[in-house]
Amino acid sequence: MREIVPLIMSGGDPAPVDTIVNWNRVPWLEGQQTASLKLEQRPSPRLLTTHFQYNMMPPSFFEVKPKVIYVTRNPKDVFTSSFHHHDAASVLVDPGPQTQVLHKFLDGKVLFGSWFDHVKSWLNAEDEEHIMHISYEQIMDLKDSVCNMAQFLQKSLDDEAIEKIADRCLFKNMKKNNMSNYSTASHLLDQTKSEFLRKGECH
């Protein structure tokens, strides 16, 4: 999403994803104070990403009612990806044996809480016209997904732009982009243990 949406908003111009690291081009809402300082220098629309549940969103979210693209992912894949990410990320504690971590995951005693509560919170959200639900598996059909997201974001794209965006967002191509593959954050993520972009998926 941090690759696709900026490319949609730029009309397919690769500059945003070639020159700005992904955590700055679409900052985390969880780091709102830091993000807001950087965003002040940027024109609207502003792009943010978050792991917050719907009911954890700040009051301004419910006042402004921005467009949201909510990605749902198979819980088995979420668990596997999270397990590997914990192993590679220096800022996260060792998760322990996989079986033990699985029980914590099922009980919701993990970073970002219960997968089940998270998904239900957004599926039951009010103002549904502002929220586009898409599954991780649907995004694998990149051209169709780019087209649908562009329509939702009210951004007109021609066939050539859609093709270019879809090609740029293939995992094999994102792996080559140092602004997207976390190679510039080796102090935070040891990719010798687990690549951030890994076998057609990302953490």
N, C-alpha and C. Protein backbone atom coordinates (compact mmCIF):
# COMPACT_ATOMS: atom_id res chain seq x y z
N MET A 1 0.82 -1.21 0.00
CA MET A 1 0.00 0.00 0.00
C MET A 1 0.86 1.27 0.00
N ARG A 2 2.00 1.21 0.70
CA ARG A 2 2.88 2.38 0.73
C ARG A 2 3.55 2.61 -0.63
N GLU A 3 3.47 1.63 -1.49
CA GLU A 3 4.01 1.75 -2.85
C GLU A 3 2.89 2.11 -3.82
N ILE A 4 1.76 1.40 -3.68
CA ILE A 4 0.66 1.55 -4.63
C ILE A 4 0.00 2.93 -4.55
N VAL A 5 -0.41 3.32 -3.34
CA VAL A 5 -1.20 4.55 -3.20
C VAL A 5 -0.42 5.80 -3.62
N PRO A 6 0.86 5.97 -3.20
CA PRO A 6 1.59 7.15 -3.70
C PRO A 6 1.71 7.19 -5.22
N LEU A 7 1.85 6.02 -5.83
CA LEU A 7 1.93 5.97 -7.29
C LEU A 7 0.59 6.34 -7.94
N ILE A 8 -0.50 5.90 -7.32
CA ILE A 8 -1.82 6.29 -7.83
C ILE A 8 -1.99 7.80 -7.73
N MET A 9 -1.64 8.35 -6.57
CA MET A 9 -1.84 9.79 -6.34
C MET A 9 -0.94 10.64 -7.23
N SER A 10 0.21 10.08 -7.64
CA SER A 10 1.11 10.83 -8.52
C SER A 10 0.80 10.59 -10.00
N GLY A 11 -0.26 9.81 -10.26
CA GLY A 11 -0.63 9.52 -11.64
C GLY A 11 0.33 8.58 -12.34
N GLY A 12 1.10 7.83 -11.55
CA GLY A 12 2.06 6.89 -12.11
C GLY A 12 3.48 7.41 -12.15
N ASP A 13 3.69 8.67 -11.77
CA ASP A 13 5.04 9.24 -11.70
C ASP A 13 5.81 8.51 -10.60
N PRO A 14 6.94 7.88 -10.91
CA PRO A 14 7.67 7.08 -9.92
C PRO A 14 8.46 7.89 -8.90
N ALA A 15 8.53 9.21 -9.06
CA ALA A 15 9.36 10.04 -8.17
C ALA A 15 9.09 9.80 -6.68
N PRO A 16 7.82 9.72 -6.24
CA PRO A 16 7.59 9.53 -4.80
C PRO A 16 8.19 8.25 -4.23
N VAL A 17 8.17 7.18 -5.01
CA VAL A 17 8.68 5.91 -4.48
C VAL A 17 10.17 5.71 -4.78
N ASP A 18 10.71 6.54 -5.65
CA ASP A 18 12.14 6.44 -5.97
C ASP A 18 13.00 7.35 -5.10
N THR A 19 12.39 8.36 -4.48
CA THR A 19 13.18 9.37 -3.78
C THR A 19 12.85 9.50 -2.29
N ILE A 20 11.75 8.91 -1.83
CA ILE A 20 11.35 9.04 -0.43
C ILE A 20 11.19 7.65 0.18
N VAL A 21 11.87 7.39 1.30
CA VAL A 21 11.74 6.08 1.95
C VAL A 21 10.29 5.89 2.39
N ASN A 22 9.84 4.64 2.36
CA ASN A 22 8.40 4.40 2.51
C ASN A 22 7.82 4.87 3.84
N TRP A 23 8.63 4.87 4.93
CA TRP A 23 8.08 5.32 6.21
C TRP A 23 7.94 6.83 6.29
N ASN A 24 8.56 7.55 5.36
CA ASN A 24 8.36 9.00 5.27
C ASN A 24 7.31 9.38 4.22
N ARG A 25 7.22 8.58 3.15
CA ARG A 25 6.22 8.92 2.13
C ARG A 25 4.81 8.64 2.63
N VAL A 26 4.68 7.61 3.48
CA VAL A 26 3.39 7.31 4.13
C VAL A 26 3.68 7.02 5.60
N PRO A 27 3.79 8.06 6.43
CA PRO A 27 4.20 7.88 7.83
C PRO A 27 3.16 7.12 8.65
N TRP A 28 3.65 6.57 9.76
CA TRP A 28 2.77 5.87 10.70
C TRP A 28 1.97 6.87 11.53
N LEU A 29 0.67 6.64 11.61
CA LEU A 29 -0.17 7.45 12.49
C LEU A 29 0.26 7.27 13.94
N GLU A 30 0.79 6.08 14.27
CA GLU A 30 1.25 5.81 15.63
C GLU A 30 2.37 6.76 16.06
N GLY A 31 3.11 7.31 15.10
CA GLY A 31 4.14 8.30 15.40
C GLY A 31 3.65 9.67 15.00
N GLN A 32 2.43 10.01 15.40
CA GLN A 32 1.73 11.19 14.90
C GLN A 32 2.51 12.48 15.09
N GLN A 33 3.15 12.68 16.24
CA GLN A 33 3.85 13.94 16.47
C GLN A 33 4.98 14.12 15.48
N THR A 34 5.77 13.06 15.28
CA THR A 34 6.87 13.12 14.32
C THR A 34 6.32 13.27 12.91
N ALA A 35 5.29 12.47 12.61
CA ALA A 35 4.71 12.50 11.27
C ALA A 35 4.15 13.87 10.93
N SER A 36 3.48 14.50 11.90
CA SER A 36 2.84 15.78 11.61
C SER A 36 3.87 16.85 11.26
N LEU A 37 5.05 16.79 11.88
CA LEU A 37 6.09 17.75 11.55
C LEU A 37 6.52 17.62 10.09
N LYS A 38 6.62 16.39 9.64
CA LYS A 38 7.03 16.16 8.25
C LYS A 38 5.90 16.49 7.29
N LEU A 39 4.68 16.20 7.72
CA LEU A 39 3.54 16.40 6.83
C LEU A 39 3.22 17.87 6.62
N GLU A 40 3.59 18.72 7.58
CA GLU A 40 3.31 20.14 7.44
C GLU A 40 3.94 20.71 6.17
N GLN A 41 5.02 20.07 5.72
CA GLN A 41 5.74 20.56 4.56
C GLN A 41 5.19 19.99 3.26
N ARG A 42 4.14 19.16 3.38
CA ARG A 42 3.61 18.50 2.19
C ARG A 42 2.22 19.00 1.84
N PRO A 43 1.92 19.04 0.56
CA PRO A 43 0.57 19.43 0.15
C PRO A 43 -0.42 18.30 0.42
N SER A 44 -1.69 18.65 0.49
CA SER A 44 -2.73 17.62 0.61
C SER A 44 -2.89 16.94 -0.75
N PRO A 45 -3.37 15.72 -0.82
CA PRO A 45 -3.79 14.92 0.33
C PRO A 45 -2.60 14.28 1.04
N ARG A 46 -2.73 14.13 2.34
CA ARG A 46 -1.68 13.50 3.13
C ARG A 46 -1.99 12.01 3.26
N LEU A 47 -0.96 11.22 3.18
CA LEU A 47 -1.11 9.77 3.28
C LEU A 47 -0.54 9.28 4.60
N LEU A 48 -1.30 8.46 5.30
CA LEU A 48 -0.85 7.88 6.57
C LEU A 48 -1.16 6.40 6.56
N THR A 49 -0.43 5.66 7.38
CA THR A 49 -0.70 4.24 7.55
C THR A 49 -0.80 3.95 9.04
N THR A 50 -1.52 2.89 9.40
CA THR A 50 -1.69 2.58 10.82
C THR A 50 -2.06 1.12 11.02
N HIS A 51 -1.78 0.66 12.24
CA HIS A 51 -2.27 -0.65 12.68
C HIS A 51 -3.40 -0.49 13.69
N PHE A 52 -3.89 0.74 13.89
CA PHE A 52 -4.94 0.99 14.87
C PHE A 52 -6.24 0.29 14.48
N GLN A 53 -6.97 -0.16 15.51
CA GLN A 53 -8.34 -0.59 15.30
C GLN A 53 -9.20 0.65 15.08
N TYR A 54 -10.38 0.46 14.53
CA TYR A 54 -11.26 1.59 14.20
C TYR A 54 -11.54 2.47 15.42
N ASN A 55 -11.84 1.84 16.56
CA ASN A 55 -12.19 2.62 17.74
C ASN A 55 -10.98 3.26 18.43
N MET A 56 -9.78 3.02 17.91
CA MET A 56 -8.57 3.65 18.45
C MET A 56 -8.15 4.88 17.65
N MET A 57 -8.84 5.16 16.56
CA MET A 57 -8.47 6.29 15.72
C MET A 57 -8.71 7.60 16.48
N PRO A 58 -7.88 8.63 16.21
CA PRO A 58 -8.02 9.90 16.94
C PRO A 58 -9.32 10.62 16.59
N PRO A 59 -9.80 11.53 17.48
CA PRO A 59 -11.08 12.23 17.25
C PRO A 59 -11.17 12.91 15.89
N SER A 60 -10.05 13.48 15.41
CA SER A 60 -10.08 14.19 14.12
C SER A 60 -10.46 13.26 12.97
N PHE A 61 -10.14 11.98 13.11
CA PHE A 61 -10.48 11.00 12.07
C PHE A 61 -11.99 10.97 11.84
N PHE A 62 -12.74 10.99 12.93
CA PHE A 62 -14.20 10.89 12.84
C PHE A 62 -14.84 12.21 12.42
N GLU A 63 -14.10 13.30 12.57
CA GLU A 63 -14.59 14.60 12.13
C GLU A 63 -14.33 14.80 10.63
N VAL A 64 -13.11 14.50 10.21
CA VAL A 64 -12.71 14.73 8.81
C VAL A 64 -13.25 13.65 7.88
N LYS A 65 -13.36 12.41 8.40
CA LYS A 65 -13.82 11.26 7.61
C LYS A 65 -13.00 11.07 6.34
N PRO A 66 -11.69 10.84 6.49
CA PRO A 66 -10.85 10.63 5.31
C PRO A 66 -11.14 9.28 4.66
N LYS A 67 -10.68 9.13 3.46
CA LYS A 67 -10.81 7.83 2.78
C LYS A 67 -9.82 6.84 3.40
N VAL A 68 -10.28 5.62 3.58
CA VAL A 68 -9.47 4.56 4.19
C VAL A 68 -9.48 3.35 3.28
N ILE A 69 -8.30 2.80 3.01
CA ILE A 69 -8.20 1.50 2.34
C ILE A 69 -7.76 0.52 3.40
N TYR A 70 -8.65 -0.37 3.78
CA TYR A 70 -8.38 -1.33 4.86
C TYR A 70 -8.04 -2.69 4.25
N VAL A 71 -6.84 -3.17 4.54
CA VAL A 71 -6.39 -4.44 4.00
C VAL A 71 -6.59 -5.55 5.03
N THR A 72 -7.35 -6.56 4.65
CA THR A 72 -7.54 -7.74 5.49
C THR A 72 -6.63 -8.85 4.95
N ARG A 73 -5.96 -9.52 5.87
CA ARG A 73 -5.04 -10.58 5.46
C ARG A 73 -5.35 -11.85 6.23
N ASN A 74 -5.21 -12.99 5.57
CA ASN A 74 -5.43 -14.29 6.19
C ASN A 74 -4.67 -14.36 7.52
N PRO A 75 -5.32 -14.72 8.63
CA PRO A 75 -4.63 -14.72 9.93
C PRO A 75 -3.43 -15.64 9.99
N LYS A 76 -3.45 -16.73 9.22
CA LYS A 76 -2.28 -17.62 9.20
C LYS A 76 -1.06 -16.90 8.63
N ASP A 77 -1.30 -16.11 7.58
CA ASP A 77 -0.21 -15.34 6.97
C ASP A 77 0.25 -14.21 7.88
N VAL A 78 -0.70 -13.57 8.57
CA VAL A 78 -0.35 -12.51 9.51
C VAL A 78 0.55 -13.06 10.60
N PHE A 79 0.17 -14.21 11.13
CA PHE A 79 0.98 -14.84 12.19
C PHE A 79 2.38 -15.17 11.69
N THR A 80 2.48 -15.81 10.53
CA THR A 80 3.78 -16.20 9.99
C THR A 80 4.66 -14.98 9.73
N SER A 81 4.08 -13.96 9.12
CA SER A 81 4.83 -12.75 8.81
C SER A 81 5.30 -12.06 10.09
N SER A 82 4.41 -11.97 11.07
CA SER A 82 4.74 -11.33 12.34
C SER A 82 5.86 -12.08 13.06
N PHE A 83 5.79 -13.39 13.02
CA PHE A 83 6.81 -14.21 13.69
C PHE A 83 8.20 -13.93 13.09
N HIS A 84 8.29 -13.91 11.77
CA HIS A 84 9.57 -13.64 11.11
C HIS A 84 10.04 -12.21 11.35
N HIS A 85 9.08 -11.27 11.36
CA HIS A 85 9.43 -9.86 11.56
C HIS A 85 10.02 -9.65 12.96
N HIS A 86 9.45 -10.31 13.97
CA HIS A 86 9.97 -10.21 15.33
C HIS A 86 11.41 -10.74 15.41
N ASP A 87 11.69 -11.74 14.62
CA ASP A 87 13.02 -12.33 14.63
C ASP A 87 14.05 -11.37 14.03
N ALA A 88 13.63 -10.58 13.05
CA ALA A 88 14.56 -9.71 12.33
C ALA A 88 14.66 -8.30 12.92
N ALA A 89 13.60 -7.82 13.55
CA ALA A 89 13.56 -6.43 14.02
C ALA A 89 14.25 -6.27 15.37
N SER A 90 15.24 -5.38 15.42
CA SER A 90 16.01 -5.19 16.65
C SER A 90 15.20 -4.52 17.75
N VAL A 91 14.13 -3.80 17.38
CA VAL A 91 13.33 -3.09 18.38
C VAL A 91 12.26 -3.97 19.01
N LEU A 92 12.12 -5.21 18.53
CA LEU A 92 11.11 -6.12 19.06
C LEU A 92 11.77 -7.25 19.83
N VAL A 93 11.10 -7.72 20.86
CA VAL A 93 11.66 -8.79 21.69
C VAL A 93 11.57 -10.13 20.94
N ASP A 94 12.47 -11.04 21.30
CA ASP A 94 12.45 -12.39 20.74
C ASP A 94 11.09 -13.00 21.03
N PRO A 95 10.38 -13.47 20.01
CA PRO A 95 9.03 -13.97 20.23
C PRO A 95 8.95 -15.31 20.95
N GLY A 96 10.07 -16.04 20.97
CA GLY A 96 10.06 -17.36 21.58
C GLY A 96 9.68 -18.43 20.58
N PRO A 97 9.45 -19.67 21.05
CA PRO A 97 9.10 -20.77 20.15
C PRO A 97 7.80 -20.50 19.40
N GLN A 98 7.74 -20.99 18.16
CA GLN A 98 6.59 -20.68 17.30
C GLN A 98 5.26 -21.14 17.91
N THR A 99 5.26 -22.32 18.54
CA THR A 99 4.02 -22.84 19.14
C THR A 99 3.52 -21.92 20.25
N GLN A 100 4.45 -21.44 21.05
CA GLN A 100 4.10 -20.53 22.15
C GLN A 100 3.55 -19.21 21.60
N VAL A 101 4.18 -18.71 20.55
CA VAL A 101 3.73 -17.46 19.94
C VAL A 101 2.36 -17.63 19.31
N LEU A 102 2.09 -18.79 18.74
CA LEU A 102 0.79 -19.05 18.13
C LEU A 102 -0.33 -18.93 19.17
N HIS A 103 -0.10 -19.48 20.36
CA HIS A 103 -1.11 -19.39 21.42
C HIS A 103 -1.34 -17.92 21.81
N LYS A 104 -0.26 -17.15 21.88
CA LYS A 104 -0.40 -15.71 22.20
C LYS A 104 -1.18 -15.00 21.10
N PHE A 105 -0.89 -15.36 19.85
CA PHE A 105 -1.57 -14.74 18.71
C PHE A 105 -3.07 -15.02 18.77
N LEU A 106 -3.43 -16.27 19.03
CA LEU A 106 -4.84 -16.65 19.07
C LEU A 106 -5.57 -15.98 20.24
N ASP A 107 -4.82 -15.70 21.31
CA ASP A 107 -5.41 -15.04 22.48
C ASP A 107 -5.38 -13.51 22.36
N GLY A 108 -4.77 -13.01 21.29
CA GLY A 108 -4.69 -11.56 21.08
C GLY A 108 -3.66 -10.88 21.96
N LYS A 109 -2.73 -11.65 22.51
CA LYS A 109 -1.71 -11.09 23.41
C LYS A 109 -0.41 -10.81 22.65
N VAL A 110 -0.56 -10.10 21.55
CA VAL A 110 0.57 -9.78 20.68
C VAL A 110 0.50 -8.30 20.28
N LEU A 111 1.58 -7.83 19.65
CA LEU A 111 1.62 -6.47 19.16
C LEU A 111 0.42 -6.19 18.25
N PHE A 112 -0.27 -5.10 18.52
CA PHE A 112 -1.47 -4.66 17.79
C PHE A 112 -2.73 -5.44 18.17
N GLY A 113 -2.63 -6.36 19.15
CA GLY A 113 -3.82 -7.02 19.67
C GLY A 113 -4.40 -8.10 18.78
N SER A 114 -5.64 -8.45 19.07
CA SER A 114 -6.31 -9.57 18.41
C SER A 114 -6.61 -9.27 16.94
N TRP A 115 -6.21 -10.19 16.07
CA TRP A 115 -6.54 -10.07 14.65
C TRP A 115 -8.06 -10.03 14.48
N PHE A 116 -8.75 -10.86 15.23
CA PHE A 116 -10.20 -10.97 15.10
C PHE A 116 -10.89 -9.66 15.50
N ASP A 117 -10.46 -9.06 16.61
CA ASP A 117 -11.04 -7.79 17.06
C ASP A 117 -10.74 -6.68 16.05
N HIS A 118 -9.52 -6.71 15.51
CA HIS A 118 -9.11 -5.68 14.55
C HIS A 118 -10.00 -5.70 13.32
N VAL A 119 -10.14 -6.87 12.73
CA VAL A 119 -10.92 -6.99 11.50
C VAL A 119 -12.38 -6.65 11.76
N LYS A 120 -12.93 -7.14 12.86
CA LYS A 120 -14.34 -6.85 13.18
C LYS A 120 -14.57 -5.36 13.38
N SER A 121 -13.59 -4.69 14.00
CA SER A 121 -13.77 -3.25 14.27
C SER A 121 -13.92 -2.46 12.98
N TRP A 122 -13.17 -2.83 11.95
CA TRP A 122 -13.25 -2.10 10.68
C TRP A 122 -14.41 -2.57 9.82
N LEU A 123 -14.74 -3.86 9.90
CA LEU A 123 -15.90 -4.35 9.13
C LEU A 123 -17.19 -3.75 9.65
N ASN A 124 -17.23 -3.44 10.95
CA ASN A 124 -18.44 -2.87 11.56
C ASN A 124 -18.37 -1.35 11.67
N ALA A 125 -17.40 -0.74 11.01
CA ALA A 125 -17.21 0.70 11.12
C ALA A 125 -18.38 1.48 10.51
N GLU A 126 -18.60 2.66 11.08
CA GLU A 126 -19.60 3.56 10.51
C GLU A 126 -18.99 4.26 9.29
N ASP A 127 -19.81 5.04 8.59
CA ASP A 127 -19.33 5.79 7.42
C ASP A 127 -18.66 4.87 6.41
N GLU A 128 -19.34 3.79 6.07
CA GLU A 128 -18.77 2.78 5.19
C GLU A 128 -18.38 3.32 3.82
N GLU A 129 -19.05 4.39 3.40
CA GLU A 129 -18.73 4.92 2.06
C GLU A 129 -17.33 5.50 1.99
N HIS A 130 -16.70 5.75 3.16
CA HIS A 130 -15.34 6.28 3.19
C HIS A 130 -14.29 5.18 3.31
N ILE A 131 -14.74 3.93 3.40
CA ILE A 131 -13.81 2.82 3.65
C ILE A 131 -13.89 1.80 2.52
N MET A 132 -12.75 1.51 1.95
CA MET A 132 -12.65 0.46 0.93
C MET A 132 -12.00 -0.75 1.57
N HIS A 133 -12.70 -1.88 1.54
CA HIS A 133 -12.16 -3.12 2.09
C HIS A 133 -11.55 -3.93 0.94
N ILE A 134 -10.34 -4.38 1.17
CA ILE A 134 -9.66 -5.20 0.16
C ILE A 134 -8.82 -6.25 0.88
N SER A 135 -8.78 -7.44 0.34
CA SER A 135 -7.98 -8.49 0.96
C SER A 135 -6.57 -8.50 0.37
N TYR A 136 -5.63 -8.99 1.14
CA TYR A 136 -4.24 -9.11 0.68
C TYR A 136 -4.19 -9.94 -0.60
N GLU A 137 -5.02 -10.98 -0.65
CA GLU A 137 -5.03 -11.86 -1.83
C GLU A 137 -5.54 -11.13 -3.06
N GLN A 138 -6.53 -10.25 -2.90
CA GLN A 138 -7.04 -9.47 -4.03
C GLN A 138 -5.96 -8.57 -4.63
N ILE A 139 -5.10 -8.05 -3.77
CA ILE A 139 -4.07 -7.12 -4.24
C ILE A 139 -3.08 -7.83 -5.17
N MET A 140 -3.00 -9.16 -5.07
CA MET A 140 -2.10 -9.89 -5.96
C MET A 140 -2.49 -9.71 -7.42
N ASP A 141 -3.78 -9.41 -7.68
CA ASP A 141 -4.21 -9.03 -9.04
C ASP A 141 -3.99 -7.52 -9.13
N LEU A 142 -2.76 -7.11 -9.39
CA LEU A 142 -2.37 -5.72 -9.24
C LEU A 142 -3.12 -4.75 -10.14
N LYS A 143 -3.26 -5.07 -11.41
CA LYS A 143 -3.90 -4.12 -12.32
C LYS A 143 -5.35 -3.85 -11.92
N ASP A 144 -6.08 -4.90 -11.59
CA ASP A 144 -7.47 -4.75 -11.19
C ASP A 144 -7.55 -3.97 -9.87
N SER A 145 -6.66 -4.27 -8.94
CA SER A 145 -6.66 -3.59 -7.65
C SER A 145 -6.31 -2.11 -7.79
N VAL A 146 -5.30 -1.81 -8.62
CA VAL A 146 -4.91 -0.41 -8.85
C VAL A 146 -6.08 0.36 -9.45
N CYS A 147 -6.77 -0.25 -10.37
CA CYS A 147 -7.92 0.39 -11.02
C CYS A 147 -9.02 0.68 -9.99
N ASN A 148 -9.33 -0.30 -9.15
CA ASN A 148 -10.38 -0.14 -8.14
C ASN A 148 -10.01 0.91 -7.10
N MET A 149 -8.74 0.90 -6.68
CA MET A 149 -8.30 1.88 -5.68
C MET A 149 -8.29 3.29 -6.26
N ALA A 150 -7.89 3.41 -7.51
CA ALA A 150 -7.88 4.72 -8.16
C ALA A 150 -9.29 5.29 -8.24
N GLN A 151 -10.25 4.44 -8.57
CA GLN A 151 -11.64 4.89 -8.62
C GLN A 151 -12.10 5.34 -7.24
N PHE A 152 -11.77 4.57 -6.21
CA PHE A 152 -12.16 4.92 -4.84
C PHE A 152 -11.54 6.24 -4.42
N LEU A 153 -10.29 6.46 -4.82
CA LEU A 153 -9.58 7.69 -4.45
C LEU A 153 -9.89 8.85 -5.41
N GLN A 154 -10.78 8.58 -6.37
CA GLN A 154 -11.21 9.58 -7.35
C GLN A 154 -10.02 10.15 -8.12
N LYS A 155 -9.14 9.23 -8.52
CA LYS A 155 -7.96 9.60 -9.30
C LYS A 155 -8.07 8.92 -10.66
N SER A 156 -8.13 9.71 -11.71
CA SER A 156 -8.28 9.17 -13.05
C SER A 156 -6.93 8.69 -13.59
N LEU A 157 -6.87 7.44 -14.00
CA LEU A 157 -5.64 6.87 -14.55
C LEU A 157 -5.94 6.22 -15.89
N ASP A 158 -5.06 6.43 -16.87
CA ASP A 158 -5.24 5.73 -18.14
C ASP A 158 -4.60 4.34 -18.04
N ASP A 159 -4.81 3.53 -19.07
CA ASP A 159 -4.33 2.14 -19.05
C ASP A 159 -2.82 2.07 -18.90
N GLU A 160 -2.10 3.00 -19.52
CA GLU A 160 -0.64 2.99 -19.44
C GLU A 160 -0.17 3.24 -18.01
N ALA A 161 -0.80 4.18 -17.32
CA ALA A 161 -0.42 4.48 -15.93
C ALA A 161 -0.71 3.29 -15.03
N ILE A 162 -1.84 2.63 -15.24
CA ILE A 162 -2.21 1.46 -14.44
C ILE A 162 -1.17 0.35 -14.65
N GLU A 163 -0.77 0.14 -15.91
CA GLU A 163 0.25 -0.88 -16.22
C GLU A 163 1.57 -0.56 -15.51
N LYS A 164 1.99 0.71 -15.58
CA LYS A 164 3.26 1.12 -14.96
C LYS A 164 3.23 0.92 -13.45
N ILE A 165 2.12 1.31 -12.82
CA ILE A 165 1.99 1.17 -11.37
C ILE A 165 2.01 -0.30 -10.97
N ALA A 166 1.25 -1.11 -11.70
CA ALA A 166 1.21 -2.54 -11.40
C ALA A 166 2.59 -3.17 -11.52
N ASP A 167 3.35 -2.77 -12.54
CA ASP A 167 4.70 -3.32 -12.73
C ASP A 167 5.63 -2.87 -11.61
N ARG A 168 5.56 -1.59 -11.22
CA ARG A 168 6.42 -1.08 -10.15
C ARG A 168 6.15 -1.77 -8.82
N CYS A 169 4.91 -2.25 -8.63
CA CYS A 169 4.52 -2.81 -7.34
C CYS A 169 4.63 -4.33 -7.27
N LEU A 170 5.20 -4.93 -8.29
CA LEU A 170 5.54 -6.36 -8.19
C LEU A 170 6.63 -6.50 -7.14
N PHE A 171 6.57 -7.56 -6.33
CA PHE A 171 7.55 -7.73 -5.26
C PHE A 171 8.98 -7.78 -5.79
N LYS A 172 9.17 -8.40 -6.95
CA LYS A 172 10.52 -8.49 -7.50
C LYS A 172 11.08 -7.11 -7.82
N ASN A 173 10.21 -6.16 -8.16
CA ASN A 173 10.67 -4.80 -8.45
C ASN A 173 10.80 -3.95 -7.19
N MET A 174 9.91 -4.15 -6.23
CA MET A 174 10.04 -3.43 -4.96
C MET A 174 11.31 -3.84 -4.23
N LYS A 175 11.71 -5.10 -4.39
CA LYS A 175 12.94 -5.58 -3.75
C LYS A 175 14.17 -4.82 -4.25
N LYS A 176 14.09 -4.31 -5.48
CA LYS A 176 15.23 -3.57 -6.06
C LYS A 176 15.25 -2.10 -5.64
N ASN A 177 14.15 -1.63 -5.07
CA ASN A 177 14.02 -0.22 -4.73
C ASN A 177 14.49 0.01 -3.29
N ASN A 178 15.62 0.69 -3.13
CA ASN A 178 16.17 0.93 -1.79
C ASN A 178 15.30 1.83 -0.93
N MET A 179 14.35 2.53 -1.56
CA MET A 179 13.42 3.36 -0.80
C MET A 179 12.25 2.54 -0.25
N SER A 180 12.18 1.28 -0.67
CA SER A 180 11.05 0.43 -0.28
C SER A 180 11.46 -0.87 0.41
N ASN A 181 12.68 -1.31 0.22
CA ASN A 181 13.07 -2.65 0.70
C ASN A 181 13.71 -2.66 2.08
N TYR A 182 13.74 -1.51 2.75
CA TYR A 182 14.29 -1.37 4.11
C TYR A 182 15.79 -1.62 4.20
N SER A 183 16.49 -1.58 3.07
CA SER A 183 17.95 -1.76 3.10
C SER A 183 18.63 -0.59 3.79
N THR A 184 17.96 0.56 3.84
CA THR A 184 18.54 1.73 4.51
C THR A 184 18.27 1.72 6.02
N ALA A 185 17.58 0.69 6.50
CA ALA A 185 17.27 0.59 7.93
C ALA A 185 17.86 -0.67 8.53
N SER A 186 19.09 -0.99 8.11
CA SER A 186 19.73 -2.23 8.58
C SER A 186 19.95 -2.24 10.09
N HIS A 187 20.02 -1.05 10.70
CA HIS A 187 20.19 -0.97 12.15
C HIS A 187 18.90 -1.37 12.89
N LEU A 188 17.79 -1.36 12.18
CA LEU A 188 16.51 -1.74 12.79
C LEU A 188 16.03 -3.12 12.35
N LEU A 189 16.46 -3.53 11.16
CA LEU A 189 15.95 -4.77 10.60
C LEU A 189 17.09 -5.60 10.02
N ASP A 190 17.37 -6.73 10.64
CA ASP A 190 18.43 -7.63 10.18
C ASP A 190 17.86 -8.56 9.12
N GLN A 191 18.07 -8.18 7.85
CA GLN A 191 17.47 -8.96 6.77
C GLN A 191 18.26 -10.22 6.42
N THR A 192 19.35 -10.46 7.14
CA THR A 192 20.02 -11.75 6.98
C THR A 192 19.20 -12.84 7.69
N LYS A 193 18.36 -12.40 8.64
CA LYS A 193 17.49 -13.35 9.35
C LYS A 193 16.18 -13.55 8.59
N SER A 194 15.62 -12.46 8.10
CA SER A 194 14.37 -12.53 7.34
C SER A 194 14.22 -11.27 6.51
N GLU A 195 14.09 -11.44 5.20
CA GLU A 195 13.92 -10.28 4.31
C GLU A 195 12.59 -9.60 4.58
N PHE A 196 12.59 -8.27 4.45
CA PHE A 196 11.32 -7.54 4.64
C PHE A 196 10.34 -7.91 3.53
N LEU A 197 10.82 -7.96 2.30
CA LEU A 197 10.01 -8.42 1.18
C LEU A 197 10.42 -9.85 0.90
N ARG A 198 9.52 -10.77 1.20
CA ARG A 198 9.91 -12.16 1.32
C ARG A 198 8.95 -13.08 0.55
N LYS A 199 9.46 -13.72 -0.50
CA LYS A 199 8.71 -14.73 -1.25
C LYS A 199 7.29 -14.28 -1.63
N GLY A 200 7.22 -13.11 -2.26
CA GLY A 200 5.91 -12.64 -2.71
C GLY A 200 5.04 -12.05 -1.64
N GLU A 201 5.63 -11.72 -0.49
CA GLU A 201 4.85 -11.06 0.56
C GLU A 201 5.76 -10.14 1.33
N CYS A 202 5.17 -9.32 2.17
CA CYS A 202 5.98 -8.45 3.01
C CYS A 202 5.49 -8.53 4.44
N HIS A 203 6.38 -8.17 5.37
CA HIS A 203 6.00 -8.16 6.79
C HIS A 203 5.02 -7.05 7.05
